[in-house]
Amino acid sequence: MKKNYATFETLEIWRSFLNENKKIYQLIVPSKTCDWDLIRQTRRAMISVGLNIAEGYSRYHNKEKEQFLNIAIASLQEVQACLIIINSLEPENIDEDQLQIVSENLEILRRQIISFKMHIRSKNIL
C-alpha cells in the first residue's frame, strides 16, 4: 500500500540503515568457534541504530529528534567496535574485504545521520 505522507521509512538514512543491517547479518555468520554473545550484541547495536532513527522521527520537538539521532550515531560506533573485536578474536570467521566495505558504509551512514541532524537544526523541520 502506497503512503501519501512522510514517514521514517521515506528517509534516506532509514534506507541506508536497512541496507547496512542486512550486510551486517551476512558478514557475521555464527560458526562453532564464534562468540555468540558478541554476534548478538553487534546485531542488537545495529538494530538500535534503526530503532532510534524511527523513534526520533516521531518526536515533536527537534531537541528530542536530535537526541535520538545522537543515540543512533553512538550505536553505530558500538557496531564498529564489535566488528573490530570480532575480527581480532576470530579473523577466520569474517571476510576482511567485506569488513572493510561494511566499515566504510557505516561511516557513510554516520555522516548521513549527522547531516540529517544539521538539517533539522537549521530548518527547524519535522
N, C-alpha and C. Protein backbone atom coordinates (compact mmCIF):
# COMPACT_ATOMS: atom_id res chain seq x y z
N MET A 1 0.84 -1.17 0.00
CA MET A 1 0.00 0.00 0.00
C MET A 1 0.89 1.25 0.00
N LYS A 2 0.65 2.13 -0.93
CA LYS A 2 1.44 3.35 -1.05
C LYS A 2 0.93 4.41 -0.08
N LYS A 3 1.88 5.04 0.62
CA LYS A 3 1.53 6.08 1.58
C LYS A 3 1.68 7.44 0.92
N ASN A 4 0.75 8.33 1.22
CA ASN A 4 0.79 9.68 0.65
C ASN A 4 1.33 10.71 1.63
N TYR A 5 1.97 10.27 2.68
CA TYR A 5 2.51 11.18 3.68
C TYR A 5 3.91 10.68 4.07
N ALA A 6 4.69 11.58 4.65
CA ALA A 6 6.06 11.25 5.01
C ALA A 6 6.10 10.40 6.29
N THR A 7 6.91 9.38 6.28
CA THR A 7 7.17 8.56 7.45
C THR A 7 8.67 8.36 7.55
N PHE A 8 9.11 7.77 8.65
CA PHE A 8 10.55 7.50 8.77
C PHE A 8 11.03 6.60 7.64
N GLU A 9 10.13 5.80 7.09
CA GLU A 9 10.50 4.89 6.00
C GLU A 9 10.90 5.62 4.72
N THR A 10 10.54 6.88 4.62
CA THR A 10 10.90 7.66 3.42
C THR A 10 12.27 8.30 3.54
N LEU A 11 12.87 8.24 4.74
CA LEU A 11 14.17 8.86 4.96
C LEU A 11 15.29 8.08 4.26
N GLU A 12 16.20 8.82 3.67
CA GLU A 12 17.38 8.19 3.05
C GLU A 12 18.20 7.44 4.10
N ILE A 13 18.31 8.01 5.32
CA ILE A 13 19.09 7.33 6.35
C ILE A 13 18.43 6.02 6.78
N TRP A 14 17.12 5.93 6.70
CA TRP A 14 16.43 4.68 7.02
C TRP A 14 16.76 3.62 5.97
N ARG A 15 16.69 4.01 4.71
CA ARG A 15 17.00 3.05 3.64
C ARG A 15 18.47 2.60 3.72
N SER A 16 19.36 3.55 4.03
CA SER A 16 20.77 3.19 4.20
C SER A 16 20.95 2.23 5.37
N PHE A 17 20.24 2.50 6.45
CA PHE A 17 20.30 1.60 7.61
C PHE A 17 19.88 0.19 7.21
N LEU A 18 18.75 0.05 6.51
CA LEU A 18 18.27 -1.28 6.12
C LEU A 18 19.30 -2.03 5.29
N ASN A 19 19.94 -1.34 4.36
CA ASN A 19 20.97 -1.98 3.52
C ASN A 19 22.14 -2.45 4.36
N GLU A 20 22.61 -1.58 5.26
CA GLU A 20 23.78 -1.95 6.07
C GLU A 20 23.44 -3.02 7.11
N ASN A 21 22.24 -2.98 7.64
CA ASN A 21 21.83 -4.00 8.59
C ASN A 21 21.88 -5.39 7.95
N LYS A 22 21.39 -5.47 6.74
CA LYS A 22 21.42 -6.75 6.01
C LYS A 22 22.86 -7.22 5.80
N LYS A 23 23.75 -6.29 5.47
CA LYS A 23 25.16 -6.64 5.26
C LYS A 23 25.81 -7.13 6.55
N ILE A 24 25.45 -6.51 7.68
CA ILE A 24 25.99 -6.95 8.97
C ILE A 24 25.58 -8.39 9.24
N TYR A 25 24.31 -8.70 9.01
CA TYR A 25 23.81 -10.05 9.24
C TYR A 25 24.53 -11.05 8.33
N GLN A 26 24.83 -10.65 7.11
CA GLN A 26 25.53 -11.54 6.18
C GLN A 26 27.02 -11.67 6.52
N LEU A 27 27.59 -10.61 7.07
CA LEU A 27 29.03 -10.60 7.35
C LEU A 27 29.38 -11.45 8.55
N ILE A 28 28.62 -11.35 9.61
CA ILE A 28 28.95 -12.09 10.83
C ILE A 28 28.00 -13.27 10.99
N VAL A 29 28.39 -14.36 10.39
CA VAL A 29 27.59 -15.58 10.48
C VAL A 29 28.12 -16.46 11.61
N PRO A 30 27.23 -16.98 12.40
CA PRO A 30 27.65 -17.84 13.51
C PRO A 30 28.37 -19.10 13.01
N SER A 31 29.36 -19.51 13.77
CA SER A 31 30.06 -20.76 13.50
C SER A 31 30.34 -21.44 14.83
N LYS A 32 30.95 -22.60 14.78
CA LYS A 32 31.23 -23.35 16.01
C LYS A 32 32.21 -22.62 16.93
N THR A 33 33.09 -21.81 16.34
CA THR A 33 34.12 -21.15 17.15
C THR A 33 33.79 -19.71 17.50
N CYS A 34 32.65 -19.22 17.03
CA CYS A 34 32.36 -17.80 17.24
C CYS A 34 31.82 -17.54 18.64
N ASP A 35 31.91 -16.30 19.03
CA ASP A 35 31.36 -15.83 20.30
C ASP A 35 29.94 -15.34 20.02
N TRP A 36 28.96 -16.17 20.38
CA TRP A 36 27.56 -15.85 20.10
C TRP A 36 27.13 -14.55 20.77
N ASP A 37 27.61 -14.31 21.97
CA ASP A 37 27.23 -13.09 22.68
C ASP A 37 27.68 -11.85 21.93
N LEU A 38 28.88 -11.90 21.39
CA LEU A 38 29.40 -10.76 20.64
C LEU A 38 28.62 -10.54 19.34
N ILE A 39 28.26 -11.63 18.69
CA ILE A 39 27.46 -11.51 17.47
C ILE A 39 26.09 -10.92 17.80
N ARG A 40 25.46 -11.42 18.85
CA ARG A 40 24.15 -10.89 19.25
C ARG A 40 24.25 -9.41 19.63
N GLN A 41 25.31 -9.04 20.34
CA GLN A 41 25.49 -7.64 20.73
C GLN A 41 25.66 -6.76 19.50
N THR A 42 26.41 -7.22 18.53
CA THR A 42 26.62 -6.47 17.29
C THR A 42 25.29 -6.25 16.58
N ARG A 43 24.52 -7.31 16.49
CA ARG A 43 23.21 -7.21 15.82
C ARG A 43 22.25 -6.32 16.59
N ARG A 44 22.25 -6.42 17.91
CA ARG A 44 21.37 -5.56 18.72
C ARG A 44 21.75 -4.09 18.56
N ALA A 45 23.05 -3.82 18.56
CA ALA A 45 23.51 -2.45 18.39
C ALA A 45 23.08 -1.90 17.03
N MET A 46 23.17 -2.73 15.99
CA MET A 46 22.78 -2.28 14.66
C MET A 46 21.27 -2.03 14.61
N ILE A 47 20.50 -2.90 15.21
CA ILE A 47 19.06 -2.71 15.26
C ILE A 47 18.74 -1.42 16.01
N SER A 48 19.49 -1.12 17.05
CA SER A 48 19.30 0.11 17.82
C SER A 48 19.45 1.35 16.93
N VAL A 49 20.33 1.30 15.97
CA VAL A 49 20.51 2.42 15.05
C VAL A 49 19.17 2.71 14.36
N GLY A 50 18.59 1.69 13.77
CA GLY A 50 17.32 1.87 13.04
C GLY A 50 16.17 2.27 13.94
N LEU A 51 16.10 1.65 15.10
CA LEU A 51 15.00 1.97 16.01
C LEU A 51 15.08 3.42 16.49
N ASN A 52 16.28 3.91 16.71
CA ASN A 52 16.43 5.30 17.15
C ASN A 52 16.15 6.29 16.02
N ILE A 53 16.46 5.92 14.80
CA ILE A 53 16.08 6.76 13.65
C ILE A 53 14.56 6.85 13.59
N ALA A 54 13.90 5.71 13.69
CA ALA A 54 12.43 5.67 13.59
C ALA A 54 11.78 6.41 14.75
N GLU A 55 12.24 6.14 15.97
CA GLU A 55 11.63 6.78 17.12
C GLU A 55 11.89 8.29 17.13
N GLY A 56 13.09 8.68 16.77
CA GLY A 56 13.41 10.09 16.71
C GLY A 56 12.55 10.84 15.70
N TYR A 57 12.26 10.19 14.60
CA TYR A 57 11.44 10.83 13.57
C TYR A 57 10.04 11.17 14.10
N SER A 58 9.55 10.35 15.02
CA SER A 58 8.20 10.55 15.53
C SER A 58 8.11 11.64 16.58
N ARG A 59 9.22 12.11 17.09
CA ARG A 59 9.21 13.11 18.15
C ARG A 59 8.83 14.49 17.62
N TYR A 60 8.13 15.22 18.44
CA TYR A 60 7.64 16.54 18.04
C TYR A 60 8.73 17.61 18.10
N HIS A 61 9.48 17.63 19.17
CA HIS A 61 10.48 18.67 19.37
C HIS A 61 11.81 18.27 18.73
N ASN A 62 12.46 19.25 18.11
CA ASN A 62 13.72 18.98 17.41
C ASN A 62 14.83 18.51 18.33
N LYS A 63 14.86 19.02 19.55
CA LYS A 63 15.89 18.57 20.51
C LYS A 63 15.76 17.07 20.76
N GLU A 64 14.53 16.59 20.87
CA GLU A 64 14.31 15.16 21.05
C GLU A 64 14.75 14.39 19.81
N LYS A 65 14.40 14.88 18.64
CA LYS A 65 14.82 14.23 17.39
C LYS A 65 16.34 14.10 17.35
N GLU A 66 17.02 15.21 17.69
CA GLU A 66 18.47 15.19 17.67
C GLU A 66 19.05 14.21 18.68
N GLN A 67 18.44 14.11 19.84
CA GLN A 67 18.93 13.18 20.86
C GLN A 67 18.84 11.73 20.37
N PHE A 68 17.74 11.37 19.74
CA PHE A 68 17.61 10.02 19.21
C PHE A 68 18.63 9.76 18.10
N LEU A 69 18.90 10.77 17.29
CA LEU A 69 19.91 10.61 16.25
C LEU A 69 21.30 10.48 16.87
N ASN A 70 21.55 11.19 17.98
CA ASN A 70 22.82 11.02 18.69
C ASN A 70 22.97 9.58 19.19
N ILE A 71 21.90 9.02 19.69
CA ILE A 71 21.94 7.63 20.17
C ILE A 71 22.20 6.68 18.99
N ALA A 72 21.59 6.96 17.85
CA ALA A 72 21.82 6.13 16.65
C ALA A 72 23.30 6.17 16.26
N ILE A 73 23.90 7.36 16.33
CA ILE A 73 25.33 7.50 16.00
C ILE A 73 26.18 6.70 16.99
N ALA A 74 25.85 6.80 18.27
CA ALA A 74 26.60 6.05 19.28
C ALA A 74 26.46 4.55 19.05
N SER A 75 25.29 4.10 18.68
CA SER A 75 25.09 2.68 18.39
C SER A 75 25.91 2.24 17.19
N LEU A 76 26.03 3.12 16.19
CA LEU A 76 26.88 2.81 15.03
C LEU A 76 28.33 2.60 15.46
N GLN A 77 28.80 3.44 16.38
CA GLN A 77 30.16 3.29 16.88
C GLN A 77 30.31 1.96 17.63
N GLU A 78 29.27 1.58 18.35
CA GLU A 78 29.29 0.29 19.04
C GLU A 78 29.39 -0.86 18.04
N VAL A 79 28.65 -0.78 16.96
CA VAL A 79 28.72 -1.81 15.91
C VAL A 79 30.14 -1.89 15.37
N GLN A 80 30.71 -0.74 15.07
CA GLN A 80 32.07 -0.69 14.53
C GLN A 80 33.06 -1.34 15.50
N ALA A 81 32.93 -1.01 16.78
CA ALA A 81 33.83 -1.59 17.80
C ALA A 81 33.64 -3.11 17.87
N CYS A 82 32.41 -3.57 17.84
CA CYS A 82 32.15 -5.02 17.87
C CYS A 82 32.78 -5.73 16.68
N LEU A 83 32.67 -5.13 15.50
CA LEU A 83 33.26 -5.75 14.31
C LEU A 83 34.78 -5.85 14.43
N ILE A 84 35.39 -4.81 14.98
CA ILE A 84 36.84 -4.84 15.19
C ILE A 84 37.21 -5.95 16.17
N ILE A 85 36.44 -6.06 17.24
CA ILE A 85 36.71 -7.10 18.24
C ILE A 85 36.53 -8.49 17.64
N ILE A 86 35.44 -8.70 16.90
CA ILE A 86 35.20 -10.00 16.26
C ILE A 86 36.36 -10.34 15.34
N ASN A 87 36.78 -9.37 14.55
CA ASN A 87 37.88 -9.61 13.62
C ASN A 87 39.19 -9.91 14.34
N SER A 88 39.41 -9.25 15.47
CA SER A 88 40.65 -9.50 16.20
C SER A 88 40.65 -10.87 16.89
N LEU A 89 39.49 -11.31 17.34
CA LEU A 89 39.40 -12.60 18.04
C LEU A 89 39.24 -13.78 17.10
N GLU A 90 38.53 -13.55 16.02
CA GLU A 90 38.19 -14.66 15.12
C GLU A 90 38.34 -14.24 13.66
N PRO A 91 39.55 -13.90 13.23
CA PRO A 91 39.73 -13.40 11.85
C PRO A 91 39.31 -14.40 10.78
N GLU A 92 39.33 -15.67 11.12
CA GLU A 92 38.93 -16.69 10.14
C GLU A 92 37.42 -16.70 9.90
N ASN A 93 36.66 -16.05 10.77
CA ASN A 93 35.20 -16.06 10.66
C ASN A 93 34.62 -14.82 9.97
N ILE A 94 35.50 -13.94 9.51
CA ILE A 94 34.99 -12.70 8.90
C ILE A 94 35.84 -12.38 7.68
N ASP A 95 35.19 -12.06 6.58
CA ASP A 95 35.87 -11.74 5.34
C ASP A 95 36.43 -10.31 5.44
N GLU A 96 37.74 -10.20 5.35
CA GLU A 96 38.43 -8.92 5.54
C GLU A 96 37.98 -7.86 4.54
N ASP A 97 37.80 -8.25 3.28
CA ASP A 97 37.36 -7.28 2.27
C ASP A 97 35.95 -6.79 2.56
N GLN A 98 35.08 -7.72 2.91
CA GLN A 98 33.70 -7.35 3.25
C GLN A 98 33.66 -6.47 4.49
N LEU A 99 34.50 -6.78 5.46
CA LEU A 99 34.58 -5.97 6.68
C LEU A 99 34.97 -4.54 6.34
N GLN A 100 35.93 -4.37 5.45
CA GLN A 100 36.36 -3.04 5.04
C GLN A 100 35.21 -2.28 4.38
N ILE A 101 34.48 -2.94 3.50
CA ILE A 101 33.36 -2.31 2.81
C ILE A 101 32.27 -1.90 3.80
N VAL A 102 31.93 -2.82 4.70
CA VAL A 102 30.90 -2.52 5.70
C VAL A 102 31.34 -1.36 6.59
N SER A 103 32.60 -1.36 7.01
CA SER A 103 33.11 -0.28 7.85
C SER A 103 33.01 1.07 7.15
N GLU A 104 33.36 1.10 5.88
CA GLU A 104 33.26 2.34 5.11
C GLU A 104 31.80 2.78 4.99
N ASN A 105 30.91 1.83 4.76
CA ASN A 105 29.50 2.16 4.63
C ASN A 105 28.89 2.63 5.95
N LEU A 106 29.36 2.07 7.06
CA LEU A 106 28.88 2.53 8.36
C LEU A 106 29.32 3.98 8.60
N GLU A 107 30.51 4.31 8.15
CA GLU A 107 30.98 5.70 8.27
C GLU A 107 30.13 6.63 7.40
N ILE A 108 29.77 6.17 6.23
CA ILE A 108 28.89 6.97 5.35
C ILE A 108 27.54 7.18 6.03
N LEU A 109 26.99 6.12 6.61
CA LEU A 109 25.71 6.23 7.32
C LEU A 109 25.83 7.20 8.49
N ARG A 110 26.92 7.14 9.22
CA ARG A 110 27.13 8.06 10.34
C ARG A 110 27.10 9.51 9.85
N ARG A 111 27.77 9.76 8.75
CA ARG A 111 27.80 11.11 8.18
C ARG A 111 26.41 11.54 7.70
N GLN A 112 25.66 10.60 7.15
CA GLN A 112 24.30 10.91 6.71
C GLN A 112 23.42 11.31 7.90
N ILE A 113 23.56 10.59 8.99
CA ILE A 113 22.77 10.91 10.19
C ILE A 113 23.17 12.28 10.72
N ILE A 114 24.46 12.56 10.77
CA ILE A 114 24.92 13.88 11.23
C ILE A 114 24.37 14.97 10.31
N SER A 115 24.38 14.73 9.04
CA SER A 115 23.87 15.69 8.07
C SER A 115 22.37 15.94 8.29
N PHE A 116 21.65 14.87 8.54
CA PHE A 116 20.21 14.99 8.81
C PHE A 116 19.97 15.79 10.08
N LYS A 117 20.79 15.54 11.10
CA LYS A 117 20.71 16.32 12.34
C LYS A 117 20.91 17.80 12.07
N MET A 118 21.90 18.13 11.27
CA MET A 118 22.18 19.53 10.94
C MET A 118 21.02 20.14 10.15
N HIS A 119 20.43 19.35 9.30
CA HIS A 119 19.28 19.81 8.52
C HIS A 119 18.10 20.13 9.45
N ILE A 120 17.84 19.27 10.39
CA ILE A 120 16.78 19.51 11.37
C ILE A 120 17.05 20.79 12.14
N ARG A 121 18.28 20.92 12.59
CA ARG A 121 18.66 22.09 13.38
C ARG A 121 18.51 23.38 12.57
N SER A 122 18.94 23.37 11.32
CA SER A 122 18.94 24.60 10.52
C SER A 122 17.56 24.98 10.00
N LYS A 123 16.74 24.01 9.73
CA LYS A 123 15.44 24.29 9.13
C LYS A 123 14.29 24.26 10.13
N ASN A 124 14.57 23.76 11.33
CA ASN A 124 13.50 23.60 12.31
C ASN A 124 12.32 22.85 11.70
N ILE A 125 12.65 21.72 11.07
CA ILE A 125 11.63 20.96 10.37
C ILE A 125 11.17 19.77 11.19
N LEU A 126 10.24 19.08 10.62
CA LEU A 126 9.66 17.84 11.13
C LEU A 126 8.93 18.17 12.36
